[in-house]
Amino acid sequence: MTNDEALDAIDNLQTWGWEKPPALSDEDFSCVIDELFCYLTDRSQIEPYCKTQFLQETIDKSNRRLRAFLPDFRRRFEAGSRNQAEIFIEEAINWSSNKFERMIVNIYIESTQKVRQKHDIKDDMGIDEIIMQLVGCHWQKVAMIAGTVMALRSGLVDTNIAERVKVLVSSGLLESQGSLSNMRYSEVRLPVGKEGAVTDTLS
């Protein structure tokens, strides 16, 4: 079982209310529980009929812990430099009390690092520079860009990022279609034949 398969299984179990749906056989339901139990826990001495309840209680408790831990961790992790990344990762691993929590934290860390590496986002980049790094030659939703920027820089608000996009469009550094007053229904791209490299027009 992979992380994606485990998340799909958890999502299904929560949708089913942690009970076997009519369309699923007893054998298939038990198989899902057994695979998820083995993947997420180190326990072996537990009665089969207790596994579902144990998983539900563990995941419910972990979700409460994650909701309390992740916002502050996310703020510090995104605001920190790349040199500090290892310290934050070690802190998160030490905080995690089970495989489910470690899985969620690792997924978050890996996704953030992939975005930084993919777009070559450096710690000293300004907002406009990050936007220009994220935008390519194909149309992208302004809301998507704003969300990615917020994931890379804590403390920013999507509407402020959308305003910076407007400035870049007005400056001729980006092309737009749709109404920029609504980030969900507007898109931007690099002008044909131009590359995205810019310093902040405002400090």
Protein backbone atom coordinates (compact mmCIF):
# COMPACT_ATOMS: atom_id res chain seq x y z
CA MET A 1 0.00 0.00 0.00
CA THR A 2 1.28 3.45 -0.94
CA ASN A 3 0.54 6.81 0.72
CA ASP A 4 -2.00 7.64 -1.99
CA GLU A 5 -3.73 4.27 -1.56
CA ALA A 6 -3.80 4.74 2.22
CA LEU A 7 -5.36 8.20 1.87
CA ASP A 8 -7.94 6.85 -0.58
CA ALA A 9 -8.79 4.03 1.83
CA ILE A 10 -9.16 6.45 4.76
CA ASP A 11 -11.35 8.75 2.66
CA ASN A 12 -13.56 5.81 1.66
CA LEU A 13 -13.85 4.54 5.23
CA GLN A 14 -14.82 7.99 6.49
CA THR A 15 -17.39 8.30 3.69
CA TRP A 16 -18.82 4.90 4.68
CA GLY A 17 -18.97 5.97 8.34
CA TRP A 18 -16.39 3.27 9.12
CA GLU A 19 -18.95 0.60 8.31
CA LYS A 20 -19.06 -1.85 5.43
CA PRO A 21 -21.13 -0.48 2.53
CA PRO A 22 -23.72 -2.84 0.96
CA ALA A 23 -21.83 -2.96 -2.34
CA LEU A 24 -18.68 -4.31 -0.69
CA SER A 25 -18.26 -7.90 0.46
CA ASP A 26 -17.18 -8.76 4.00
CA GLU A 27 -13.94 -10.16 2.63
CA ASP A 28 -13.08 -7.02 0.62
CA PHE A 29 -13.93 -4.74 3.56
CA SER A 30 -11.74 -6.80 5.91
CA CYS A 31 -8.95 -6.65 3.36
CA VAL A 32 -9.07 -2.84 3.28
CA ILE A 33 -9.00 -2.69 7.09
CA ASP A 34 -6.15 -5.20 7.36
CA GLU A 35 -3.97 -3.46 4.75
CA LEU A 36 -4.55 -0.04 6.25
CA PHE A 37 -3.95 -1.33 9.77
CA CYS A 38 -0.62 -2.89 8.77
CA TYR A 39 0.43 0.21 6.86
CA LEU A 40 -0.39 2.77 9.55
CA THR A 41 0.39 0.95 12.80
CA ASP A 42 3.13 -1.12 14.38
CA ARG A 43 0.68 -3.07 16.50
CA SER A 44 0.07 -6.77 15.91
CA GLN A 45 -1.60 -8.03 19.09
CA ILE A 46 -5.16 -6.88 18.54
CA GLU A 47 -8.37 -8.75 17.82
CA PRO A 48 -9.56 -8.50 14.18
CA TYR A 49 -12.95 -7.06 15.18
CA CYS A 50 -11.18 -4.26 17.08
CA LYS A 51 -9.07 -3.07 14.15
CA THR A 52 -11.74 -0.84 12.61
CA GLN A 53 -12.46 0.93 15.89
CA PHE A 54 -8.76 1.29 16.62
CA LEU A 55 -8.10 2.84 13.20
CA GLN A 56 -11.05 5.22 13.51
CA GLU A 57 -10.02 6.41 16.97
CA THR A 58 -6.37 6.77 15.94
CA ILE A 59 -7.13 8.78 12.80
CA ASP A 60 -9.74 10.98 14.51
CA LYS A 61 -7.28 11.78 17.30
CA SER A 62 -4.44 12.39 14.83
CA ASN A 63 -6.59 14.70 12.72
CA ARG A 64 -7.27 16.82 15.80
CA ARG A 65 -3.55 16.92 16.58
CA LEU A 66 -2.66 17.78 12.98
CA ARG A 67 -5.18 20.62 12.87
CA ALA A 68 -3.50 22.12 15.92
CA PHE A 69 0.10 21.49 14.78
CA LEU A 70 0.19 22.11 11.03
CA PRO A 71 -0.81 25.80 10.80
CA ASP A 72 2.05 27.00 13.00
CA PHE A 73 4.47 24.44 11.53
CA ARG A 74 3.49 25.53 8.01
CA ARG A 75 4.09 29.19 8.85
CA ARG A 76 7.55 28.52 10.29
CA PHE A 77 8.54 25.99 7.62
CA GLU A 78 7.61 28.29 4.73
CA ALA A 79 9.19 31.34 6.33
CA GLY A 80 12.42 29.50 7.10
CA SER A 81 15.39 29.21 4.78
CA ARG A 82 16.36 26.05 2.97
CA ASN A 83 19.18 25.60 5.45
CA GLN A 84 16.60 25.35 8.23
CA ALA A 85 14.49 22.75 6.40
CA GLU A 86 16.23 19.77 8.01
CA ILE A 87 15.62 21.19 11.48
CA PHE A 88 11.90 21.63 10.82
CA ILE A 89 11.61 18.16 9.28
CA GLU A 90 13.28 16.57 12.31
CA GLU A 91 10.96 18.53 14.59
CA ALA A 92 7.88 17.32 12.71
CA ILE A 93 9.03 13.69 12.76
CA ASN A 94 9.72 13.86 16.49
CA TRP A 95 6.27 15.41 17.06
CA SER A 96 4.48 12.66 15.11
CA SER A 97 3.10 9.93 17.34
CA ASN A 98 2.15 7.38 14.66
CA LYS A 99 2.63 6.49 11.00
CA PHE A 100 -0.50 8.37 9.89
CA GLU A 101 0.77 11.66 11.33
CA ARG A 102 4.24 11.11 9.84
CA MET A 103 2.64 10.36 6.47
CA ILE A 104 0.59 13.57 6.44
CA VAL A 105 3.54 15.71 7.58
CA ASN A 106 5.86 14.11 5.01
CA ILE A 107 3.31 14.63 2.20
CA TYR A 108 3.10 18.32 3.10
CA ILE A 109 6.89 18.76 3.31
CA GLU A 110 7.54 16.92 0.05
CA SER A 111 4.87 18.85 -1.86
CA THR A 112 6.25 22.20 -0.67
CA GLN A 113 9.82 21.23 -1.53
CA LYS A 114 8.78 20.01 -5.00
CA VAL A 115 7.12 23.34 -5.77
CA ARG A 116 10.25 25.22 -4.66
CA GLN A 117 12.53 22.97 -6.74
CA LYS A 118 10.29 22.90 -9.81
CA HIS A 119 10.08 26.67 -10.06
CA ASP A 120 13.54 27.40 -8.60
CA ILE A 121 12.04 29.51 -5.81
CA LYS A 122 14.78 31.12 -3.72
CA ASP A 123 14.41 32.36 -0.15
CA ASP A 124 15.21 35.99 -1.01
CA MET A 125 12.72 36.30 -3.89
CA GLY A 126 10.03 38.96 -3.74
CA ILE A 127 6.35 38.35 -4.52
CA ASP A 128 6.57 39.62 -8.10
CA GLU A 129 9.59 37.45 -8.80
CA ILE A 130 7.81 34.37 -7.47
CA ILE A 131 4.73 35.10 -9.59
CA MET A 132 6.88 35.46 -12.70
CA GLN A 133 8.61 32.18 -11.93
CA LEU A 134 5.28 30.39 -11.55
CA VAL A 135 3.69 31.77 -14.72
CA GLY A 136 4.51 30.07 -18.00
CA CYS A 137 3.53 30.34 -21.64
CA HIS A 138 0.18 28.61 -21.05
CA TRP A 139 -2.85 30.23 -19.43
CA GLN A 140 -3.09 29.69 -15.66
CA LYS A 141 -5.84 30.68 -13.24
CA VAL A 142 -4.90 33.65 -11.08
CA ALA A 143 -6.46 31.84 -8.10
CA MET A 144 -4.10 28.89 -8.65
CA ILE A 145 -1.09 31.18 -8.76
CA ALA A 146 -2.21 33.00 -5.61
CA GLY A 147 -2.65 29.70 -3.78
CA THR A 148 0.83 28.52 -4.77
CA VAL A 149 2.43 31.79 -3.69
CA MET A 150 0.69 31.56 -0.30
CA ALA A 151 2.05 28.02 0.10
CA LEU A 152 5.55 29.34 -0.51
CA ARG A 153 5.33 32.51 1.56
CA SER A 154 3.41 32.58 4.81
CA GLY A 155 1.45 35.62 5.93
CA LEU A 156 0.23 36.61 2.46
CA VAL A 157 -3.41 37.05 1.46
CA ASP A 158 -4.70 35.87 -1.92
CA THR A 159 -6.30 39.22 -2.74
CA ASN A 160 -2.98 41.01 -2.25
CA ILE A 161 -1.26 38.54 -4.55
CA ALA A 162 -4.01 39.05 -7.14
CA GLU A 163 -3.35 42.81 -6.95
CA ARG A 164 0.32 42.16 -7.68
CA VAL A 165 -0.75 40.14 -10.73
CA LYS A 166 -2.77 43.15 -11.93
CA VAL A 167 0.31 45.35 -11.60
CA LEU A 168 2.39 42.90 -13.64
CA VAL A 169 -0.31 42.81 -16.31
CA SER A 170 -0.52 46.62 -16.38
CA SER A 171 3.28 46.74 -16.74
CA GLY A 172 3.12 44.47 -19.78
CA LEU A 173 5.03 41.68 -18.07
CA LEU A 174 2.01 39.34 -18.18
CA GLU A 175 -0.94 38.87 -20.51
CA SER A 176 -4.41 38.28 -19.10
CA GLN A 177 -7.84 37.09 -20.15
CA GLY A 178 -11.06 37.35 -18.20
CA SER A 179 -11.77 39.84 -15.45
CA LEU A 180 -8.82 40.30 -13.11
CA SER A 181 -11.26 41.53 -10.47
CA ASN A 182 -12.23 37.87 -9.98
CA MET A 183 -9.19 35.63 -9.59
CA ARG A 184 -11.21 32.44 -10.17
CA TYR A 185 -12.35 33.60 -13.58
CA SER A 186 -9.18 35.20 -14.89
CA GLU A 187 -6.00 33.74 -16.31
CA VAL A 188 -2.50 35.01 -17.07
CA ARG A 189 0.52 33.90 -19.05
CA LEU A 190 3.87 35.25 -20.22
CA PRO A 191 3.68 37.40 -23.34
CA VAL A 192 4.73 35.43 -26.42
CA GLY A 193 8.50 35.54 -26.85
CA LYS A 194 9.25 36.84 -23.37
CA GLU A 195 10.81 35.12 -20.36
CA GLY A 196 9.73 35.67 -16.77
CA ALA A 197 12.33 37.51 -14.78
CA VAL A 198 11.51 40.59 -12.75
CA THR A 199 12.28 42.27 -9.46
CA ASP A 200 9.47 43.64 -7.31
CA THR A 201 8.08 46.86 -8.72
CA LEU A 202 7.05 47.76 -5.18
CA SER A 203 8.98 47.06 -2.01
